[in-house]
Amino acid sequence: MAWIAVGITVASTAASAIGSAQEGEAKARASEYNQSIQNRQATAAIASAGETERRVRVGGKKALGGIRAAVSASGINMEGSAMDVLEESATNVEMDALTAKHEGAMKAWSYREGAALSGMEASNARTAGGFNAASSVLGGASKLYGIYKG
């Protein structure tokens, strides 16, 4: 009868240890997958911001060209107030372009921070899986000792 208890304890301990290790590995792989997605999102955020910045600059150049044409067509010289308006418009276009670039950089930073956290979660999951497996083995050994002693 004791041998049956020993066999059950050994099997239970092995199943528990293997399950703990596999659970840790599964959690680690999920975290690594999240990490790769977040890294891709960071790259996409930079690319999207670059495209937005480019469109703002192109649109701004067209708008500034339109302002110049309108001022010239009206017979006003490009000096004084007319020049101030044009310079302020150019400054606003540049600020909009830089804002788009900055927003993309901040999104990318946020995604990369998330990716780093996911990487830490993967490492922690593997470590926890190992410790849980070891704990199962030690618990099983304790039960076997109790069976042996009893």
Protein backbone atom coordinates (compact mmCIF):
# COMPACT_ATOMS: atom_id res chain seq x y z
CA MET A 1 0.00 0.00 0.00
CA ALA A 2 2.88 2.35 0.78
CA TRP A 3 4.28 1.76 -2.69
CA ILE A 4 1.02 2.97 -4.23
CA ALA A 5 1.22 6.14 -2.15
CA VAL A 6 4.84 6.60 -3.21
CA GLY A 7 3.95 6.13 -6.88
CA ILE A 8 1.06 8.56 -6.68
CA THR A 9 3.20 11.12 -4.87
CA VAL A 10 6.03 10.83 -7.41
CA ALA A 11 3.61 11.12 -10.34
CA SER A 12 1.79 14.04 -8.76
CA THR A 13 5.06 15.80 -7.97
CA ALA A 14 6.37 15.32 -11.50
CA ALA A 15 3.12 16.55 -13.06
CA SER A 16 3.04 19.57 -10.80
CA ALA A 17 6.69 20.45 -11.48
CA ILE A 18 6.30 20.05 -15.24
CA GLY A 19 3.07 22.07 -15.19
CA SER A 20 4.74 24.88 -13.25
CA ALA A 21 7.67 25.03 -15.64
CA GLN A 22 5.37 24.97 -18.69
CA GLU A 23 3.14 27.66 -17.22
CA GLY A 24 6.16 29.90 -16.63
CA GLU A 25 7.37 29.31 -20.18
CA ALA A 26 3.92 30.04 -21.64
CA LYS A 27 3.70 33.32 -19.71
CA ALA A 28 7.22 34.21 -20.82
CA ARG A 29 6.39 33.58 -24.48
CA ALA A 30 3.23 35.67 -24.22
CA SER A 31 5.24 38.53 -22.72
CA GLU A 32 7.89 38.21 -25.43
CA TYR A 33 5.15 38.33 -28.07
CA ASN A 34 3.77 41.51 -26.46
CA GLN A 35 7.30 42.91 -26.42
CA SER A 36 7.73 42.33 -30.15
CA ILE A 37 4.37 43.95 -30.90
CA GLN A 38 5.23 46.98 -28.78
CA ASN A 39 8.58 47.35 -30.54
CA ARG A 40 6.79 47.25 -33.91
CA GLN A 41 4.29 49.83 -32.65
CA ALA A 42 7.19 52.10 -31.66
CA THR A 43 8.67 51.82 -35.14
CA ALA A 44 5.25 52.50 -36.70
CA ALA A 45 4.72 55.55 -34.47
CA ILE A 46 8.01 57.07 -35.63
CA ALA A 47 7.19 56.35 -39.28
CA SER A 48 3.69 57.79 -38.94
CA ALA A 49 5.00 60.91 -37.21
CA GLY A 50 7.59 61.35 -39.96
CA GLU A 51 4.87 61.15 -42.60
CA THR A 52 2.68 63.61 -40.68
CA GLU A 53 5.64 65.97 -40.33
CA ARG A 54 6.30 65.70 -44.07
CA ARG A 55 2.64 66.41 -44.94
CA VAL A 56 2.57 69.42 -42.60
CA ARG A 57 5.69 70.85 -44.24
CA VAL A 58 4.39 70.23 -47.79
CA GLY A 59 1.00 71.72 -46.92
CA GLY A 60 2.71 74.64 -45.22
CA LYS A 61 4.87 75.37 -48.26
CA LYS A 62 1.78 75.35 -50.45
CA ALA A 63 -0.06 77.65 -48.05
CA LEU A 64 2.90 80.03 -47.83
CA GLY A 65 3.13 80.05 -51.62
CA GLY A 66 -0.56 80.93 -51.76
CA ILE A 67 -0.03 83.78 -49.30
CA ARG A 68 2.88 85.12 -51.35
CA ALA A 69 0.83 84.91 -54.53
CA ALA A 70 -2.15 86.65 -52.94
CA VAL A 71 0.02 89.42 -51.51
CA SER A 72 1.80 89.92 -54.84
CA ALA A 73 -1.50 89.91 -56.76
CA SER A 74 -2.88 92.59 -54.46
CA GLY A 75 0.06 94.84 -55.23
CA ILE A 76 1.37 94.88 -51.67
CA ASN A 77 5.14 94.72 -51.29
CA MET A 78 6.60 91.82 -49.36
CA GLU A 79 7.81 93.96 -46.49
CA GLY A 80 6.48 95.28 -43.21
CA SER A 81 3.18 93.73 -42.06
CA ALA A 82 2.88 91.46 -45.10
CA MET A 83 6.33 90.04 -44.40
CA ASP A 84 5.51 89.65 -40.69
CA VAL A 85 2.39 87.64 -41.54
CA LEU A 86 4.39 85.41 -43.88
CA GLU A 87 7.13 84.85 -41.29
CA GLU A 88 4.59 84.07 -38.57
CA SER A 89 2.82 81.62 -40.86
CA ALA A 90 6.14 79.93 -41.66
CA THR A 91 6.90 79.71 -37.93
CA ASN A 92 3.48 78.15 -37.27
CA VAL A 93 4.05 75.56 -40.00
CA GLU A 94 7.42 74.67 -38.49
CA MET A 95 5.90 74.40 -35.00
CA ASP A 96 3.16 72.10 -36.32
CA ALA A 97 5.75 69.91 -38.05
CA LEU A 98 7.91 69.70 -34.92
CA THR A 99 4.87 68.96 -32.77
CA ALA A 100 3.96 66.02 -35.02
CA LYS A 101 7.52 64.72 -34.78
CA HIS A 102 7.57 65.13 -30.98
CA GLU A 103 4.22 63.38 -30.54
CA GLY A 104 5.49 60.43 -32.56
CA ALA A 105 8.67 60.28 -30.50
CA MET A 106 6.64 60.28 -27.29
CA LYS A 107 4.37 57.47 -28.55
CA ALA A 108 7.43 55.47 -29.59
CA TRP A 109 9.01 56.03 -26.16
CA SER A 110 5.83 54.81 -24.48
CA TYR A 111 5.73 51.67 -26.65
CA ARG A 112 9.41 50.97 -25.99
CA GLU A 113 8.88 51.34 -22.24
CA GLY A 114 6.02 48.84 -22.52
CA ALA A 115 8.28 46.52 -24.51
CA ALA A 116 10.95 46.72 -21.83
CA LEU A 117 8.36 45.91 -19.17
CA SER A 118 7.14 42.94 -21.21
CA GLY A 119 10.73 41.72 -21.45
CA MET A 120 11.05 41.89 -17.66
CA GLU A 121 7.74 40.04 -17.30
CA ALA A 122 9.06 37.28 -19.57
CA SER A 123 12.18 36.90 -17.47
CA ASN A 124 10.19 36.93 -14.24
CA ALA A 125 7.74 34.34 -15.58
CA ARG A 126 10.57 31.94 -16.42
CA THR A 127 12.15 32.46 -13.00
CA ALA A 128 8.80 31.97 -11.23
CA GLY A 129 8.13 28.83 -13.27
CA GLY A 130 11.47 27.42 -12.18
CA PHE A 131 10.89 28.26 -8.53
CA ASN A 132 7.35 26.83 -8.64
CA ALA A 133 8.68 23.63 -10.24
CA ALA A 134 11.37 23.38 -7.55
CA SER A 135 8.76 24.00 -4.88
CA SER A 136 6.64 21.18 -6.28
CA VAL A 137 9.62 18.84 -6.17
CA LEU A 138 10.43 19.81 -2.59
CA GLY A 139 6.79 19.40 -1.58
CA GLY A 140 6.73 15.97 -3.17
CA ALA A 141 9.96 15.02 -1.42
CA SER A 142 8.43 16.12 1.87
CA LYS A 143 5.39 13.91 1.25
CA LEU A 144 7.62 10.98 0.37
CA TYR A 145 9.56 11.51 3.56
CA GLY A 146 6.29 11.51 5.48
CA ILE A 147 5.26 8.24 3.81
CA TYR A 148 8.68 6.73 4.54
CA LYS A 149 8.63 7.91 8.15
CA GLY A 150 5.02 6.91 8.74
